[in-house]
Amino acid sequence: MATCLVVANSLFRPPKPILPHKHHPLQPISSHSLPKSPLNSTFLKPHFSHSDSCRFRLIAPASLGETDASSDEPLPLVGEDSAAFDLGTQNIVSWVYFTIILGVVLFVLDVIWIDNSTGFGKAFIDAVSTLSDSHEIVMLALILIFATVHSGLASFRDMGEKILGKRAYRVLFAGVSLPLAVSTVVYFINHRYNGVQLWQLQNGPGVHQLVWLSNFISFFFLYPSTFNLLEVAAVDQPKVHLWETGIMRITRHP
């Protein structure tokens, strides 16, 4: 009976009055004012009201619109401009050296490789032609030889430049790759379609000049280092470039 009275008394006890919340003035934070006990996790949670969420929804479309408008602006270059050529910074002496070097290279290439009486180009083609009587197989072998040598020397560029120097390795790279490229291209021209000539236009007026002009335009616009010929010829110290702009020969010369 006594137990029932105690329970009933606790059930019908009047509720405690709600005390008003005390506002503490803001105080500057210092090492002495920091609490000794860890802070309550609920104190660190940000408080968002309904007005804040509405304000966020109103600002978000404007921010997206500003992003879309700013995306039309050109991004800064990461690589280099392949068509950058400043005539005012060119040195006439360097281009004179380039002309002399180009003439010497073409003369030596003709004597030791292209000319059948003095060069080794014909002997190289004859040696590869012994692999098969099929022109297609010989053509494939020539392409594989050129690709292996050309890409192989390019892969050893860093190590080769440390041993021989940048200019010397560039001369070695061009001196080996250029004759193989000439032999591959000439063999393809001489044996395309197994010798069947599809048209007779070489004697037409202006055809020869048109072919040379089209090849020059192709080289001028589609070769990334057209405006960097001084480095190609090792007149200037060769450097590694990352072309980003301009018309680049991606499919033919990556």
Protein backbone atom coordinates (compact mmCIF):
# COMPACT_ATOMS: atom_id res chain seq x y z
CA MET A 1 0.00 0.00 0.00
CA ALA A 2 2.84 2.30 0.82
CA THR A 3 4.46 1.49 -2.51
CA CYS A 4 1.31 2.47 -4.42
CA LEU A 5 1.14 5.82 -2.63
CA VAL A 6 4.74 6.60 -3.53
CA VAL A 7 4.15 5.82 -7.22
CA ALA A 8 0.98 7.87 -7.30
CA ASN A 9 2.75 10.78 -5.67
CA SER A 10 5.49 10.70 -8.31
CA LEU A 11 2.97 10.59 -11.15
CA PHE A 12 0.89 13.56 -9.99
CA ARG A 13 3.88 15.70 -9.01
CA PRO A 14 3.60 19.16 -10.69
CA PRO A 15 6.16 19.76 -13.48
CA LYS A 16 9.18 21.90 -12.82
CA PRO A 17 8.98 25.42 -14.24
CA ILE A 18 11.06 26.07 -17.39
CA LEU A 19 13.83 28.49 -16.57
CA PRO A 20 14.76 31.12 -19.16
CA HIS A 21 17.93 30.42 -21.15
CA LYS A 22 20.86 32.50 -20.03
CA HIS A 23 22.85 34.27 -22.73
CA HIS A 24 26.53 34.51 -21.99
CA PRO A 25 28.45 37.44 -23.48
CA LEU A 26 31.12 36.67 -26.04
CA GLN A 27 34.64 36.61 -24.71
CA PRO A 28 37.93 36.53 -26.60
CA ILE A 29 39.42 33.08 -26.86
CA SER A 30 42.66 32.53 -25.06
CA SER A 31 44.56 29.57 -23.75
CA HIS A 32 43.13 30.23 -20.24
CA SER A 33 39.52 30.48 -21.43
CA LEU A 34 39.47 27.14 -23.29
CA PRO A 35 37.46 24.47 -21.47
CA LYS A 36 39.27 21.65 -19.77
CA SER A 37 36.69 19.01 -20.75
CA PRO A 38 36.03 18.05 -24.39
CA LEU A 39 33.36 20.02 -26.21
CA ASN A 40 29.96 18.57 -26.87
CA SER A 41 29.64 17.30 -30.44
CA THR A 42 26.30 19.03 -30.90
CA PHE A 43 27.96 22.37 -30.22
CA LEU A 44 30.15 21.97 -33.33
CA LYS A 45 27.29 21.18 -35.72
CA PRO A 46 26.37 24.10 -38.02
CA HIS A 47 22.87 25.47 -37.66
CA PHE A 48 20.83 25.98 -40.83
CA SER A 49 17.54 27.76 -40.77
CA HIS A 50 14.81 27.73 -43.38
CA SER A 51 15.86 31.15 -44.65
CA ASP A 52 19.43 29.95 -45.13
CA SER A 53 18.30 27.02 -47.27
CA CYS A 54 16.13 29.30 -49.40
CA ARG A 55 19.03 31.69 -49.82
CA PHE A 56 21.30 28.81 -50.92
CA ARG A 57 18.79 27.69 -53.53
CA LEU A 58 18.55 31.19 -54.92
CA ILE A 59 22.30 31.74 -55.14
CA ALA A 60 23.14 28.36 -56.69
CA PRO A 61 21.71 29.06 -60.19
CA ALA A 62 23.54 32.38 -60.34
CA SER A 63 26.80 30.68 -59.45
CA LEU A 64 26.27 28.06 -62.15
CA GLY A 65 25.56 30.77 -64.68
CA GLU A 66 28.77 32.56 -63.78
CA THR A 67 30.72 29.30 -64.20
CA ASP A 68 29.27 28.69 -67.65
CA ALA A 69 30.09 32.22 -68.73
CA SER A 70 33.64 31.97 -67.47
CA SER A 71 34.17 28.64 -69.29
CA ASP A 72 34.17 30.51 -72.61
CA GLU A 73 37.44 32.17 -71.68
CA PRO A 74 40.56 30.49 -73.12
CA LEU A 75 42.50 28.36 -70.68
CA PRO A 76 46.21 29.05 -70.14
CA LEU A 77 48.64 27.00 -72.22
CA VAL A 78 50.15 23.93 -70.64
CA GLY A 79 52.45 23.09 -73.54
CA GLU A 80 53.99 25.26 -76.26
CA ASP A 81 52.64 26.97 -79.34
CA SER A 82 53.88 25.01 -82.34
CA ALA A 83 53.28 27.99 -84.64
CA ALA A 84 55.16 30.55 -82.56
CA PHE A 85 57.77 32.29 -84.69
CA ASP A 86 59.15 35.73 -83.87
CA LEU A 87 61.09 37.15 -86.79
CA GLY A 88 62.66 39.82 -84.60
CA THR A 89 64.41 37.26 -82.41
CA GLN A 90 65.97 35.33 -85.30
CA ASN A 91 69.70 35.40 -85.89
CA ILE A 92 70.87 35.59 -89.50
CA VAL A 93 74.09 33.75 -88.69
CA SER A 94 72.11 30.80 -87.31
CA TRP A 95 70.11 30.48 -90.52
CA VAL A 96 73.30 30.69 -92.57
CA TYR A 97 74.65 27.78 -90.52
CA PHE A 98 71.38 25.94 -91.08
CA THR A 99 71.61 26.38 -94.86
CA ILE A 100 75.21 25.16 -94.92
CA ILE A 101 74.42 22.16 -92.71
CA LEU A 102 71.37 21.25 -94.80
CA GLY A 103 73.40 21.38 -98.01
CA VAL A 104 76.18 19.25 -96.55
CA VAL A 105 73.71 16.67 -95.19
CA LEU A 106 71.89 16.34 -98.51
CA PHE A 107 75.17 16.02 -100.41
CA VAL A 108 76.52 13.35 -98.06
CA LEU A 109 73.19 11.51 -98.14
CA ASP A 110 73.26 11.42 -101.92
CA VAL A 111 76.85 10.16 -102.06
CA ILE A 112 76.77 7.49 -99.36
CA TRP A 113 73.17 6.28 -99.74
CA ILE A 114 71.03 7.48 -102.67
CA ASP A 115 73.49 7.26 -105.59
CA ASN A 116 73.57 3.65 -106.80
CA SER A 117 77.19 3.91 -107.93
CA THR A 118 78.61 5.10 -104.61
CA GLY A 119 75.92 4.65 -101.96
CA PHE A 120 74.80 1.75 -99.83
CA GLY A 121 71.07 2.31 -100.31
CA LYS A 122 70.71 -0.15 -103.18
CA ALA A 123 72.69 -2.80 -101.31
CA PHE A 124 70.41 -2.32 -98.30
CA ILE A 125 67.26 -2.75 -100.41
CA ASP A 126 68.70 -5.82 -102.12
CA ALA A 127 69.53 -7.39 -98.76
CA VAL A 128 66.01 -6.84 -97.42
CA SER A 129 64.48 -8.05 -100.70
CA THR A 130 66.06 -11.47 -100.18
CA LEU A 131 63.50 -12.11 -97.42
CA SER A 132 60.68 -12.65 -99.91
CA ASP A 133 59.67 -12.19 -103.53
CA SER A 134 56.56 -10.33 -102.41
CA HIS A 135 56.85 -6.57 -102.50
CA GLU A 136 54.33 -6.30 -99.67
CA ILE A 137 56.48 -8.38 -97.30
CA VAL A 138 59.61 -6.43 -98.23
CA MET A 139 57.71 -3.17 -97.67
CA LEU A 140 56.56 -4.39 -94.27
CA ALA A 141 60.12 -5.36 -93.35
CA LEU A 142 61.42 -1.92 -94.34
CA ILE A 143 58.76 -0.22 -92.22
CA LEU A 144 59.57 -2.41 -89.23
CA ILE A 145 63.30 -1.71 -89.57
CA PHE A 146 62.76 2.04 -89.79
CA ALA A 147 60.24 2.08 -86.92
CA THR A 148 62.52 0.02 -84.67
CA VAL A 149 65.59 2.16 -85.30
CA HIS A 150 63.77 5.50 -85.24
CA SER A 151 61.71 4.81 -82.12
CA GLY A 152 64.58 2.97 -80.45
CA LEU A 153 66.95 5.90 -80.81
CA ALA A 154 64.21 8.23 -79.58
CA SER A 155 63.70 6.10 -76.47
CA PHE A 156 67.43 6.28 -75.66
CA ARG A 157 67.52 10.06 -76.11
CA ASP A 158 67.99 10.97 -72.44
CA MET A 159 70.82 8.52 -71.93
CA GLY A 160 72.43 9.30 -75.29
CA GLU A 161 72.41 13.05 -74.68
CA LYS A 162 74.17 12.55 -71.35
CA ILE A 163 76.90 10.48 -73.02
CA LEU A 164 77.36 12.23 -76.38
CA GLY A 165 75.76 15.62 -75.80
CA LYS A 166 72.51 16.99 -77.18
CA ARG A 167 73.84 18.18 -80.54
CA ALA A 168 75.95 15.08 -81.20
CA TYR A 169 73.08 12.74 -80.40
CA ARG A 170 70.76 14.73 -82.67
CA VAL A 171 73.25 14.33 -85.53
CA LEU A 172 73.49 10.58 -84.85
CA PHE A 173 69.71 10.28 -84.67
CA ALA A 174 69.18 12.07 -87.97
CA GLY A 175 72.13 10.39 -89.68
CA VAL A 176 70.71 6.92 -89.04
CA SER A 177 66.98 7.63 -89.40
CA LEU A 178 67.10 9.75 -92.56
CA PRO A 179 68.67 7.14 -94.90
CA LEU A 180 66.26 4.44 -93.69
CA ALA A 181 63.31 6.77 -94.21
CA VAL A 182 64.46 7.62 -97.75
CA SER A 183 64.83 3.94 -98.66
CA THR A 184 61.39 3.10 -97.27
CA VAL A 185 59.65 5.93 -99.11
CA VAL A 186 61.48 5.32 -102.40
CA TYR A 187 60.73 1.58 -102.31
CA PHE A 188 57.06 2.31 -101.71
CA ILE A 189 56.94 4.74 -104.65
CA ASN A 190 58.71 2.32 -106.98
CA HIS A 191 56.64 -0.73 -106.04
CA ARG A 192 53.20 0.62 -105.23
CA TYR A 193 50.44 -1.38 -106.95
CA ASN A 194 53.20 -3.82 -108.04
CA GLY A 195 54.44 -1.45 -110.71
CA VAL A 196 51.05 -0.77 -112.31
CA GLN A 197 50.82 2.93 -113.15
CA LEU A 198 47.29 4.15 -112.65
CA TRP A 199 47.61 7.49 -114.45
CA GLN A 200 49.89 9.41 -116.78
CA LEU A 201 49.94 12.93 -115.43
CA GLN A 202 53.63 13.57 -114.80
CA ASN A 203 54.07 15.19 -118.23
CA GLY A 204 51.11 17.52 -117.82
CA PRO A 205 51.78 21.25 -117.56
CA GLY A 206 52.11 22.40 -113.95
CA VAL A 207 51.65 18.93 -112.39
CA HIS A 208 55.25 18.69 -111.22
CA GLN A 209 55.11 22.15 -109.62
CA LEU A 210 51.71 21.39 -108.04
CA VAL A 211 53.03 18.23 -106.40
CA TRP A 212 56.05 20.01 -104.98
CA LEU A 213 53.90 22.90 -103.72
CA SER A 214 51.40 20.57 -102.04
CA ASN A 215 54.23 18.66 -100.35
CA PHE A 216 55.74 21.93 -99.11
CA ILE A 217 52.39 23.04 -97.67
CA SER A 218 51.98 19.64 -96.01
CA PHE A 219 55.40 19.92 -94.40
CA PHE A 220 54.95 23.57 -93.45
CA PHE A 221 51.62 23.18 -91.68
CA LEU A 222 51.55 19.56 -90.53
CA TYR A 223 55.03 19.17 -89.09
CA PRO A 224 55.16 20.34 -85.45
CA SER A 225 58.77 21.55 -85.59
CA THR A 226 58.45 23.60 -88.79
CA PHE A 227 59.23 26.77 -86.85
CA ASN A 228 61.89 24.94 -84.86
CA LEU A 229 64.22 23.90 -87.67
CA LEU A 230 67.30 25.32 -85.99
CA GLU A 231 66.94 22.73 -83.24
CA VAL A 232 66.16 19.99 -85.76
CA ALA A 233 69.45 20.72 -87.51
CA ALA A 234 71.24 21.01 -84.13
CA VAL A 235 72.20 24.63 -84.83
CA ASP A 236 70.44 25.53 -81.59
CA GLN A 237 70.68 23.18 -78.64
CA PRO A 238 67.88 20.60 -78.99
CA LYS A 239 65.22 20.54 -76.27
CA VAL A 240 62.20 18.38 -75.53
CA HIS A 241 58.95 20.17 -76.48
CA LEU A 242 55.29 19.56 -75.68
CA TRP A 243 53.30 21.10 -78.53
CA GLU A 244 49.75 22.13 -77.62
CA THR A 245 48.52 24.55 -80.28
CA GLY A 246 48.84 24.89 -84.02
CA ILE A 247 48.18 22.31 -86.72
CA MET A 248 50.04 19.22 -85.59
CA ARG A 249 50.62 16.03 -87.53
CA ILE A 250 48.99 13.73 -84.99
CA THR A 251 48.15 10.74 -87.18
CA ARG A 252 51.24 10.85 -89.39
CA HIS A 253 53.89 11.97 -86.95
CA PRO A 254 52.80 11.77 -83.29
